[in-house]
Amino acid sequence: MKTVFAKLMPCAVLLAALCQSGCSVVGPDYKTPTAHELLPMQFPGNATFSAPARTDAAWWKVFNDPALDSLVDTALAQGPDLAVADASIRQSRAARGQVAAQSQPQINADGRLGRDQLSRNGEMLANVPFANPVLGFTDYKIGFDASWEIDFFGHQQRSVESADARLGSIEQQRADAALRVAAEVARNVLDYRYWQLRLDNARLMRDQQEHALRLITLQWQAGVASANDVRLAEVNLHNAQANVPGLEAGARSSVAALGPLTSLPSATIADLLANVRHRPTLPEKFDTDINSDVLLRRPDLRVAERNLAAATADVGVSVANQYPRFTILAQAGWDSINSGQLVDQASRYWNIGPQFSLPLFSGGAIRAQVAVSEAARDAALASYRKSVLLALADVESSMLRCKAGDLRLAELQRSQESQVHVQNFAQQRFEVGDATQLELIAAQLQTAGILDQMLVVEQAFAQDAVSFYKAIGGSVASRD
């Protein structure tokens, strides 16, 4: 058998060399659109705080929360959303391997053992000059066949380009899923922190209202206060008590939302979050312009870009279908009706030669397919541009919300500073007997009310910060 293939190989190599020497890849060559072609290099608007100094840094670490860091790492390692994305990547890689394999020689082995019976009156024996030919016999056959399509006009090359681009798109979808998962974990952890801070403050306000009610009730019993004063104190207490259940439910719902993201039990998540109780660190404020290249690192935009590359390669595949396709075919093996003579020299057979196919008439179907592919490419380009514009609007709106939240926080901080002076003054007056305890409680309640407003604004600002990092593409890299 080695002798047979030794005879076939020079012919195959010669034919391949001749074909490859004249190869010409048809269809459009893909060129990635630049940021300058898609949107202005510098879009208006200033960020109110900095992105991480390194683009590969974990952006959620700016909140300085170890529990948040741990939960994000867990979600990225074992979250169900990313498990689905990883399976899609493996599927796409295997599909790409199937496409690439078509450009390689295909070799198959086959064998046959069969009992044949010929028809005496059939056409196969019509011209046999023997009176009694053998009609029944056993056939033994073993052999190999090979085929190799020479990519004369780039049909295979464009197919591989399309598969590579689609694999890249799936990988970027995984990166986009990772970014969304990290953002959702960050949102829920930050919400939990602020629900807890507001809950502690609400319970303090409830206790203060209870104390105030006791004092006013004693005054009413002493004839110093009216029954209406007691009823107003009861209203204030009921209002303070009504705030507690909603805040408790908010904290529990944040823990529950982290379960599907991390695949952890709610009890484990609650314990992890309870180990550290602190006020989240908000990103530092500063003014800087965001370059469009930063925007284009968003995974969803890279998905759109890879889809455009795949659609462009598909045009090349459709164009190549209009040209001839060349294939080298070869067969070799042994065939005998006597098992003892199967491997004899006389039982050997082989053949080799090129074949080609050229579509001559298809009723316009092939030209129509080219038009379909070109339209799909144009649609992918339009979708890419639209995605870029939507991303631009996303970044600008998140920056505007952050700026508004920053201004609100600044005003509330000044209000809190003034209220602290008011409370301290009330404390001093109470200590020297110049003010009642109810006046001191009123000042403390005012301080707690301003703190609740600040926590509400900080919670919204933290969510806007997460949206900002997500809008600029974050920094969650796709896995290899």
Protein backbone atom coordinates (compact mmCIF):
# COMPACT_ATOMS: atom_id res chain seq x y z
CA MET A 1 0.00 0.00 0.00
CA LYS A 2 2.90 2.35 0.73
CA THR A 3 4.06 1.85 -2.86
CA VAL A 4 0.67 2.90 -4.19
CA PHE A 5 0.56 6.09 -2.12
CA ALA A 6 4.17 6.80 -3.07
CA LYS A 7 3.01 6.82 -6.68
CA LEU A 8 -0.03 8.98 -5.92
CA MET A 9 1.70 11.61 -3.77
CA PRO A 10 3.86 13.28 -6.46
CA CYS A 11 0.81 13.72 -8.67
CA ALA A 12 -1.21 15.20 -5.82
CA VAL A 13 1.57 17.59 -4.85
CA LEU A 14 2.02 18.71 -8.46
CA LEU A 15 -1.69 19.35 -8.94
CA ALA A 16 -1.91 21.22 -5.65
CA ALA A 17 1.07 23.40 -6.53
CA LEU A 18 -0.40 24.25 -9.92
CA CYS A 19 -3.74 25.16 -8.43
CA GLN A 20 -2.33 27.15 -5.52
CA SER A 21 -0.12 29.17 -7.83
CA GLY A 22 -3.17 30.66 -9.48
CA CYS A 23 -5.33 31.21 -6.38
CA SER A 24 -7.17 34.54 -6.20
CA VAL A 25 -9.36 35.33 -3.20
CA VAL A 26 -12.54 37.05 -4.38
CA GLY A 27 -14.95 39.22 -2.42
CA PRO A 28 -14.36 42.30 -0.23
CA ASP A 29 -11.49 42.37 2.26
CA TYR A 30 -12.63 43.41 5.73
CA LYS A 31 -11.25 46.53 7.37
CA THR A 32 -12.27 47.40 10.91
CA PRO A 33 -14.02 50.79 11.03
CA THR A 34 -12.06 53.30 13.10
CA ALA A 35 -13.48 55.38 15.92
CA HIS A 36 -13.07 58.44 13.72
CA GLU A 37 -15.37 56.89 11.13
CA LEU A 38 -18.04 56.04 13.65
CA LEU A 39 -18.24 59.04 15.97
CA PRO A 40 -16.28 62.17 16.94
CA MET A 41 -12.94 61.41 18.55
CA GLN A 42 -13.93 63.46 21.60
CA PHE A 43 -17.55 63.50 22.56
CA PRO A 44 -18.94 66.24 24.83
CA GLY A 45 -19.43 65.86 28.53
CA ASN A 46 -17.12 65.51 31.51
CA ALA A 47 -16.94 62.53 33.81
CA THR A 48 -17.52 63.35 37.45
CA PHE A 49 -15.11 60.70 38.69
CA SER A 50 -12.26 58.64 37.35
CA ALA A 51 -12.24 55.28 35.73
CA PRO A 52 -9.60 52.90 37.13
CA ALA A 53 -6.09 53.99 36.18
CA ARG A 54 -5.51 50.63 34.45
CA THR A 55 -8.10 49.46 31.97
CA ASP A 56 -7.54 45.85 33.05
CA ALA A 57 -8.18 46.68 36.74
CA ALA A 58 -11.29 45.38 38.46
CA TRP A 59 -13.43 48.51 38.45
CA TRP A 60 -15.65 47.36 41.32
CA LYS A 61 -12.68 47.60 43.71
CA VAL A 62 -13.11 51.39 43.80
CA PHE A 63 -15.94 50.83 46.30
CA ASN A 64 -13.45 49.28 48.75
CA ASP A 65 -15.75 46.45 49.85
CA PRO A 66 -14.10 43.04 50.40
CA ALA A 67 -17.47 41.26 50.36
CA LEU A 68 -18.29 42.86 47.02
CA ASP A 69 -14.93 41.75 45.61
CA SER A 70 -15.51 38.19 46.82
CA LEU A 71 -19.04 37.97 45.43
CA VAL A 72 -18.00 39.34 42.03
CA ASP A 73 -15.14 36.83 41.84
CA THR A 74 -17.56 34.03 42.74
CA ALA A 75 -20.12 35.15 40.17
CA LEU A 76 -17.49 35.33 37.43
CA ALA A 77 -16.14 31.90 38.36
CA GLN A 78 -19.35 29.90 38.83
CA GLY A 79 -22.32 32.04 37.83
CA PRO A 80 -24.87 30.26 35.60
CA ASP A 81 -24.96 33.10 33.07
CA LEU A 82 -21.26 32.69 32.35
CA ALA A 83 -21.54 28.90 32.28
CA VAL A 84 -23.98 29.28 29.40
CA ALA A 85 -21.62 31.73 27.68
CA ASP A 86 -18.65 29.38 28.12
CA ALA A 87 -20.62 26.53 26.54
CA SER A 88 -21.49 28.79 23.60
CA ILE A 89 -17.79 29.57 23.13
CA ARG A 90 -16.90 25.88 23.08
CA GLN A 91 -19.66 25.27 20.55
CA SER A 92 -18.46 28.12 18.34
CA ARG A 93 -14.85 26.93 18.50
CA ALA A 94 -15.91 23.46 17.46
CA ALA A 95 -17.95 24.90 14.58
CA ARG A 96 -14.93 26.92 13.50
CA GLY A 97 -12.84 23.74 13.57
CA GLN A 98 -15.38 22.02 11.30
CA VAL A 99 -15.16 24.84 8.77
CA ALA A 100 -11.35 24.94 8.85
CA ALA A 101 -11.17 21.16 8.39
CA GLN A 102 -12.86 21.46 5.00
CA SER A 103 -9.70 23.00 3.57
CA GLN A 104 -7.61 19.96 4.55
CA PRO A 105 -7.35 16.66 2.66
CA GLN A 106 -10.13 14.23 3.52
CA ILE A 107 -9.09 10.56 3.64
CA ASN A 108 -11.46 7.65 4.27
CA ALA A 109 -11.01 3.90 4.48
CA ASP A 110 -13.64 1.45 3.32
CA GLY A 111 -14.02 -2.28 2.95
CA ARG A 112 -16.56 -4.70 1.57
CA LEU A 113 -17.36 -8.36 1.85
CA GLY A 114 -20.38 -9.33 -0.25
CA ARG A 115 -21.97 -12.20 -2.08
CA ASP A 116 -22.97 -11.14 -5.62
CA GLN A 117 -25.31 -12.87 -8.03
CA LEU A 118 -25.43 -11.63 -11.63
CA SER A 119 -28.43 -11.89 -13.93
CA ARG A 120 -27.84 -14.26 -16.83
CA ASN A 121 -30.20 -12.16 -18.95
CA GLY A 122 -28.93 -8.79 -17.76
CA GLU A 123 -26.94 -6.26 -19.70
CA MET A 124 -23.72 -7.04 -17.83
CA LEU A 125 -23.52 -10.45 -19.58
CA ALA A 126 -25.01 -9.42 -22.91
CA ASN A 127 -21.67 -9.39 -24.74
CA VAL A 128 -19.85 -12.10 -22.79
CA PRO A 129 -18.71 -14.76 -25.34
CA PHE A 130 -18.90 -17.66 -22.85
CA ALA A 131 -21.69 -20.14 -22.68
CA ASN A 132 -21.66 -20.66 -18.93
CA PRO A 133 -20.18 -17.66 -17.15
CA VAL A 134 -19.86 -17.65 -13.38
CA LEU A 135 -22.90 -15.82 -12.02
CA GLY A 136 -22.35 -16.05 -8.27
CA PHE A 137 -19.19 -15.10 -6.41
CA THR A 138 -17.94 -13.47 -3.22
CA ASP A 139 -16.25 -10.08 -3.54
CA TYR A 140 -13.50 -8.94 -1.16
CA LYS A 141 -12.54 -5.28 -1.24
CA ILE A 142 -10.53 -2.93 0.93
CA GLY A 143 -9.28 0.51 0.00
CA PHE A 144 -8.90 4.20 0.63
CA ASP A 145 -10.30 7.30 -1.00
CA ALA A 146 -9.09 10.87 -0.62
CA SER A 147 -10.28 14.29 -1.71
CA TRP A 148 -8.78 17.74 -1.40
CA GLU A 149 -10.52 20.89 -2.51
CA ILE A 150 -8.05 23.48 -3.78
CA ASP A 151 -9.21 26.90 -2.61
CA PHE A 152 -8.73 28.51 -6.00
CA PHE A 153 -10.98 31.55 -5.43
CA GLY A 154 -10.99 31.77 -1.63
CA HIS A 155 -14.23 29.95 -0.86
CA GLN A 156 -12.64 28.11 2.06
CA GLN A 157 -10.61 31.10 3.20
CA ARG A 158 -13.66 33.34 3.38
CA SER A 159 -15.58 30.61 5.21
CA VAL A 160 -12.84 30.39 7.83
CA GLU A 161 -12.77 34.20 8.13
CA SER A 162 -16.51 34.17 8.78
CA ALA A 163 -16.19 31.40 11.37
CA ASP A 164 -13.32 33.24 13.10
CA ALA A 165 -15.37 36.43 13.28
CA ARG A 166 -18.39 34.62 14.68
CA LEU A 167 -16.20 32.96 17.28
CA GLY A 168 -14.90 36.40 18.22
CA SER A 169 -18.47 37.63 18.51
CA ILE A 170 -19.38 34.79 20.87
CA GLU A 171 -16.27 35.47 22.97
CA GLN A 172 -17.19 39.14 23.23
CA GLN A 173 -20.73 38.15 24.19
CA ARG A 174 -19.15 36.26 27.06
CA ALA A 175 -17.21 39.38 28.04
CA ASP A 176 -20.43 41.41 27.86
CA ALA A 177 -22.18 38.84 30.05
CA ALA A 178 -19.32 39.03 32.56
CA LEU A 179 -19.56 42.81 32.62
CA ARG A 180 -23.33 42.68 33.18
CA VAL A 181 -22.95 40.06 35.93
CA ALA A 182 -20.28 42.11 37.72
CA ALA A 183 -22.46 45.21 37.47
CA GLU A 184 -25.53 43.40 38.82
CA VAL A 185 -23.55 42.00 41.74
CA ALA A 186 -22.14 45.45 42.49
CA ARG A 187 -25.58 47.06 42.31
CA ASN A 188 -27.14 44.57 44.71
CA VAL A 189 -24.27 44.66 47.19
CA LEU A 190 -24.27 48.46 47.22
CA ASP A 191 -28.04 48.49 47.58
CA TYR A 192 -27.75 46.10 50.52
CA ARG A 193 -25.18 48.35 52.21
CA TYR A 194 -27.39 51.42 51.88
CA TRP A 195 -30.55 49.56 52.88
CA GLN A 196 -28.76 48.50 56.04
CA LEU A 197 -27.42 52.00 56.76
CA ARG A 198 -30.84 53.52 56.22
CA LEU A 199 -32.43 50.76 58.32
CA ASP A 200 -30.10 51.51 61.23
CA ASN A 201 -30.89 55.21 60.91
CA ALA A 202 -34.63 54.51 60.64
CA ARG A 203 -34.58 52.40 63.79
CA LEU A 204 -32.75 55.19 65.59
CA MET A 205 -35.39 57.69 64.44
CA ARG A 206 -38.12 55.29 65.58
CA ASP A 207 -36.53 55.02 69.03
CA GLN A 208 -36.25 58.80 69.25
CA GLN A 209 -39.91 59.19 68.31
CA GLU A 210 -40.85 56.65 70.98
CA HIS A 211 -38.86 58.64 73.53
CA ALA A 212 -40.53 61.85 72.39
CA LEU A 213 -43.98 60.25 72.71
CA ARG A 214 -43.22 59.16 76.28
CA LEU A 215 -42.09 62.66 77.20
CA ILE A 216 -45.13 64.35 75.61
CA THR A 217 -47.45 61.82 77.29
CA LEU A 218 -45.92 62.70 80.65
CA GLN A 219 -46.36 66.39 79.88
CA TRP A 220 -50.00 65.78 78.93
CA GLN A 221 -50.57 63.90 82.15
CA ALA A 222 -48.99 66.83 84.00
CA GLY A 223 -51.22 69.26 82.15
CA VAL A 224 -48.35 70.91 80.29
CA ALA A 225 -49.14 69.46 76.83
CA SER A 226 -52.43 68.96 75.02
CA ALA A 227 -54.00 65.74 73.79
CA ASN A 228 -53.39 66.97 70.25
CA ASP A 229 -49.66 67.11 71.00
CA VAL A 230 -49.84 63.46 72.02
CA ARG A 231 -51.68 62.53 68.83
CA LEU A 232 -49.07 64.37 66.71
CA ALA A 233 -46.32 62.46 68.52
CA GLU A 234 -48.14 59.20 67.80
CA VAL A 235 -48.40 60.14 64.10
CA ASN A 236 -44.66 60.80 63.99
CA LEU A 237 -43.94 57.48 65.67
CA HIS A 238 -46.18 55.53 63.28
CA ASN A 239 -44.52 57.22 60.31
CA ALA A 240 -41.10 56.30 61.68
CA GLN A 241 -42.20 52.69 62.27
CA ALA A 242 -43.65 52.46 58.74
CA ASN A 243 -40.22 53.09 57.21
CA VAL A 244 -38.61 50.05 58.84
CA PRO A 245 -40.36 47.13 57.04
CA GLY A 246 -39.69 48.54 53.57
CA LEU A 247 -35.99 48.95 54.32
CA GLU A 248 -35.79 45.44 55.78
CA ALA A 249 -37.47 44.04 52.67
CA GLY A 250 -35.05 45.99 50.44
CA ALA A 251 -32.05 44.46 52.22
CA ARG A 252 -33.49 40.94 51.99
CA SER A 253 -34.37 41.35 48.31
CA SER A 254 -30.79 42.42 47.53
CA VAL A 255 -29.48 39.25 49.17
CA ALA A 256 -32.03 37.15 47.29
CA ALA A 257 -31.04 38.75 43.96
CA LEU A 258 -27.39 37.78 44.54
CA GLY A 259 -28.26 34.08 44.72
CA PRO A 260 -28.86 33.42 41.01
CA LEU A 261 -25.85 35.55 40.12
CA THR A 262 -23.37 33.71 42.34
CA SER A 263 -25.00 30.25 42.78
CA LEU A 264 -24.58 30.70 46.54
CA PRO A 265 -27.27 30.11 49.20
CA SER A 266 -28.87 33.26 50.58
CA ALA A 267 -27.66 32.40 54.09
CA THR A 268 -24.04 32.25 52.90
CA ILE A 269 -24.39 35.59 51.11
CA ALA A 270 -25.99 37.20 54.16
CA ASP A 271 -23.18 35.96 56.42
CA LEU A 272 -20.55 37.24 54.02
CA LEU A 273 -22.16 40.68 53.83
CA ALA A 274 -22.70 40.83 57.59
CA ASN A 275 -19.00 40.29 58.29
CA VAL A 276 -18.28 43.84 57.12
CA ARG A 277 -20.67 46.75 57.74
CA HIS A 278 -19.45 50.07 56.48
CA ARG A 279 -20.44 52.98 54.34
CA PRO A 280 -19.36 52.34 50.74
CA THR A 281 -16.46 54.36 49.40
CA LEU A 282 -17.68 56.39 46.45
CA PRO A 283 -15.40 57.10 43.45
CA GLU A 284 -13.27 60.21 43.66
CA LYS A 285 -14.56 63.20 41.74
CA PHE A 286 -12.66 64.94 39.00
CA ASP A 287 -13.26 66.34 35.51
CA THR A 288 -11.88 64.53 32.50
CA ASP A 289 -12.89 63.89 28.91
CA ILE A 290 -13.68 60.35 27.79
CA ASN A 291 -11.99 59.42 24.52
CA SER A 292 -14.00 57.52 21.93
CA ASP A 293 -11.41 54.71 21.94
CA VAL A 294 -12.41 54.03 25.55
CA LEU A 295 -16.03 53.80 24.44
CA LEU A 296 -15.21 51.29 21.68
CA ARG A 297 -13.78 48.83 24.19
CA ARG A 298 -17.34 48.01 25.29
CA PRO A 299 -17.93 44.27 24.71
CA ASP A 300 -21.32 44.86 23.09
CA LEU A 301 -19.69 47.13 20.49
CA ARG A 302 -17.00 44.55 19.86
CA VAL A 303 -19.77 42.00 19.34
CA ALA A 304 -21.29 44.28 16.69
CA GLU A 305 -17.87 44.76 15.06
CA ARG A 306 -17.23 41.01 14.87
CA ASN A 307 -20.71 40.47 13.40
CA LEU A 308 -19.83 43.02 10.71
CA ALA A 309 -16.58 41.14 9.98
CA ALA A 310 -18.50 37.86 9.66
CA ALA A 311 -21.09 39.41 7.34
CA THR A 312 -18.30 40.82 5.15
CA ALA A 313 -16.65 37.40 4.90
CA ASP A 314 -20.03 35.88 3.99
CA VAL A 315 -20.12 38.19 0.96
CA GLY A 316 -16.81 36.66 -0.15
CA VAL A 317 -18.24 33.15 0.26
CA SER A 318 -21.25 34.05 -1.90
CA VAL A 319 -19.06 35.62 -4.58
CA ALA A 320 -16.75 32.59 -4.61
CA ASN A 321 -19.76 30.34 -5.26
CA GLN A 322 -19.97 31.90 -8.75
CA TYR A 323 -16.52 30.54 -9.66
CA PRO A 324 -15.31 27.01 -10.39
CA ARG A 325 -14.40 24.74 -7.49
CA PHE A 326 -11.47 22.36 -7.99
CA THR A 327 -11.00 19.08 -6.14
CA ILE A 328 -8.29 16.43 -6.34
CA LEU A 329 -9.74 12.92 -6.01
CA ALA A 330 -7.80 9.71 -5.44
CA GLN A 331 -8.62 6.07 -4.76
CA ALA A 332 -6.45 3.07 -4.03
CA GLY A 333 -6.92 -0.42 -2.65
CA TRP A 334 -7.36 -4.11 -3.38
CA ASP A 335 -10.33 -5.92 -4.94
CA SER A 336 -10.63 -9.66 -5.51
CA ILE A 337 -13.20 -12.44 -5.67
CA ASN A 338 -10.74 -14.75 -3.97
CA SER A 339 -9.76 -13.99 -0.39
CA GLY A 340 -6.39 -15.64 -0.85
CA GLN A 341 -5.51 -13.26 -3.71
CA LEU A 342 -6.76 -10.03 -2.04
CA VAL A 343 -3.29 -8.59 -1.42
CA ASP A 344 -1.74 -9.80 -4.66
CA GLN A 345 -0.26 -7.34 -7.12
CA ALA A 346 -3.03 -8.09 -9.62
CA SER A 347 -5.71 -7.13 -7.06
CA ARG A 348 -4.47 -3.59 -6.66
CA TYR A 349 -6.28 -0.63 -8.15
CA TRP A 350 -5.81 3.13 -7.97
CA ASN A 351 -6.81 6.32 -9.68
CA ILE A 352 -6.11 10.01 -9.20
CA GLY A 353 -7.16 13.15 -10.97
CA PRO A 354 -8.68 16.60 -10.59
CA GLN A 355 -12.32 17.44 -11.01
CA PHE A 356 -14.09 20.76 -11.09
CA SER A 357 -17.64 22.04 -10.89
CA LEU A 358 -18.88 25.29 -12.40
CA PRO A 359 -22.42 26.60 -12.01
CA LEU A 360 -23.69 27.41 -15.48
CA PHE A 361 -27.32 28.16 -14.86
CA SER A 362 -29.14 28.53 -11.53
CA GLY A 363 -31.98 30.82 -12.46
CA GLY A 364 -30.27 33.77 -10.77
CA ALA A 365 -30.12 32.02 -7.38
CA ILE A 366 -26.37 32.54 -6.95
CA ARG A 367 -26.50 36.23 -7.86
CA ALA A 368 -29.43 36.60 -5.50
CA GLN A 369 -27.40 35.01 -2.71
CA VAL A 370 -24.63 37.56 -3.30
CA ALA A 371 -27.20 40.34 -3.02
CA VAL A 372 -28.54 38.78 0.20
CA SER A 373 -25.05 38.67 1.70
CA GLU A 374 -24.30 42.24 0.68
CA ALA A 375 -27.55 43.43 2.24
CA ALA A 376 -26.74 41.52 5.42
CA ARG A 377 -23.31 43.20 5.53
CA ASP A 378 -24.90 46.64 5.10
CA ALA A 379 -27.37 45.84 7.87
CA ALA A 380 -24.51 44.75 10.16
CA LEU A 381 -22.69 48.02 9.46
CA ALA A 382 -25.81 50.06 10.19
CA SER A 383 -26.37 48.05 13.37
CA TYR A 384 -22.77 48.70 14.43
CA ARG A 385 -23.16 52.43 13.91
CA LYS A 386 -26.45 52.43 15.81
CA SER A 387 -24.84 50.52 18.68
CA VAL A 388 -22.05 53.08 18.84
CA LEU A 389 -24.52 55.97 18.98
CA LEU A 390 -26.55 54.22 21.68
CA ALA A 391 -23.38 53.57 23.65
CA LEU A 392 -22.46 57.23 23.32
CA ALA A 393 -25.86 58.23 24.69
CA ASP A 394 -25.44 55.68 27.49
CA VAL A 395 -22.11 57.17 28.56
CA GLU A 396 -23.34 60.76 28.34
CA SER A 397 -26.53 60.08 30.30
CA SER A 398 -24.64 58.19 33.02
CA MET A 399 -22.15 61.08 33.30
CA LEU A 400 -24.99 63.59 33.58
CA ARG A 401 -26.65 61.56 36.34
CA CYS A 402 -23.37 61.29 38.20
CA LYS A 403 -22.81 65.02 37.92
CA ALA A 404 -26.31 65.77 39.21
CA GLY A 405 -25.84 63.33 42.08
CA ASP A 406 -22.50 64.91 42.91
CA LEU A 407 -24.10 68.36 43.15
CA ARG A 408 -26.91 67.03 45.36
CA LEU A 409 -24.41 65.33 47.65
CA ALA A 410 -22.39 68.53 47.95
CA GLU A 411 -25.47 70.51 49.00
CA LEU A 412 -26.56 67.83 51.49
CA GLN A 413 -23.08 67.69 52.97
CA ARG A 414 -23.23 71.42 53.61
CA SER A 415 -26.70 71.01 55.06
CA GLN A 416 -25.46 68.22 57.32
CA GLU A 417 -22.53 70.30 58.54
CA SER A 418 -24.89 73.13 59.47
CA GLN A 419 -27.30 70.72 61.17
CA VAL A 420 -24.47 69.24 63.24
CA HIS A 421 -23.80 72.73 64.60
CA VAL A 422 -27.51 73.11 65.37
CA GLN A 423 -27.58 69.76 67.19
CA ASN A 424 -24.40 70.53 69.14
CA PHE A 425 -25.86 73.87 70.19
CA ALA A 426 -29.09 72.14 71.31
CA GLN A 427 -27.01 69.63 73.26
CA GLN A 428 -25.13 72.43 75.01
CA ARG A 429 -28.34 74.28 75.84
CA PHE A 430 -29.89 71.06 77.20
CA GLU A 431 -26.86 70.38 79.38
CA VAL A 432 -27.05 73.83 80.99
CA GLY A 433 -30.81 73.58 81.36
CA ASP A 434 -31.64 76.18 78.74
CA ALA A 435 -33.47 73.72 76.45
CA THR A 436 -35.80 70.80 76.96
CA GLN A 437 -35.05 67.20 76.04
CA LEU A 438 -37.79 67.42 73.40
CA GLU A 439 -35.89 70.24 71.71
CA LEU A 440 -32.73 68.13 71.73
CA ILE A 441 -34.65 65.15 70.28
CA ALA A 442 -36.10 67.39 67.58
CA ALA A 443 -32.57 68.47 66.61
CA GLN A 444 -31.40 64.84 66.59
CA LEU A 445 -34.35 63.83 64.40
CA GLN A 446 -33.54 66.64 61.98
CA THR A 447 -29.94 65.39 61.77
CA ALA A 448 -31.12 61.81 61.20
CA GLY A 449 -33.53 63.01 58.49
CA ILE A 450 -30.72 64.78 56.62
CA LEU A 451 -28.56 61.64 56.97
CA ASP A 452 -31.35 59.56 55.41
CA GLN A 453 -31.53 61.99 52.49
CA MET A 454 -27.76 61.72 52.05
CA LEU A 455 -27.90 57.93 52.09
CA VAL A 456 -30.66 57.95 49.47
CA VAL A 457 -28.62 60.23 47.22
CA GLU A 458 -25.42 58.24 47.85
CA GLN A 459 -27.24 55.01 46.97
CA ALA A 460 -28.42 56.52 43.68
CA PHE A 461 -24.94 57.93 43.05
CA ALA A 462 -23.36 54.50 43.64
CA GLN A 463 -25.79 52.94 41.17
CA ASP A 464 -24.97 55.67 38.64
CA ALA A 465 -21.26 54.99 39.21
CA VAL A 466 -21.79 51.31 38.40
CA SER A 467 -23.73 52.34 35.28
CA PHE A 468 -20.86 54.61 34.28
CA TYR A 469 -18.23 51.88 34.55
CA LYS A 470 -20.51 49.52 32.66
CA ALA A 471 -21.15 52.18 30.00
CA ILE A 472 -17.44 52.66 29.30
CA GLY A 473 -16.95 48.90 28.96
CA GLY A 474 -15.66 48.14 32.44
CA SER A 475 -12.66 45.90 32.40
CA VAL A 476 -13.94 42.32 32.61
CA ALA A 477 -11.86 40.39 30.07
CA SER A 478 -13.13 37.39 28.13
CA ARG A 479 -11.60 33.99 28.85
CA ASP A 480 -9.28 32.33 26.39
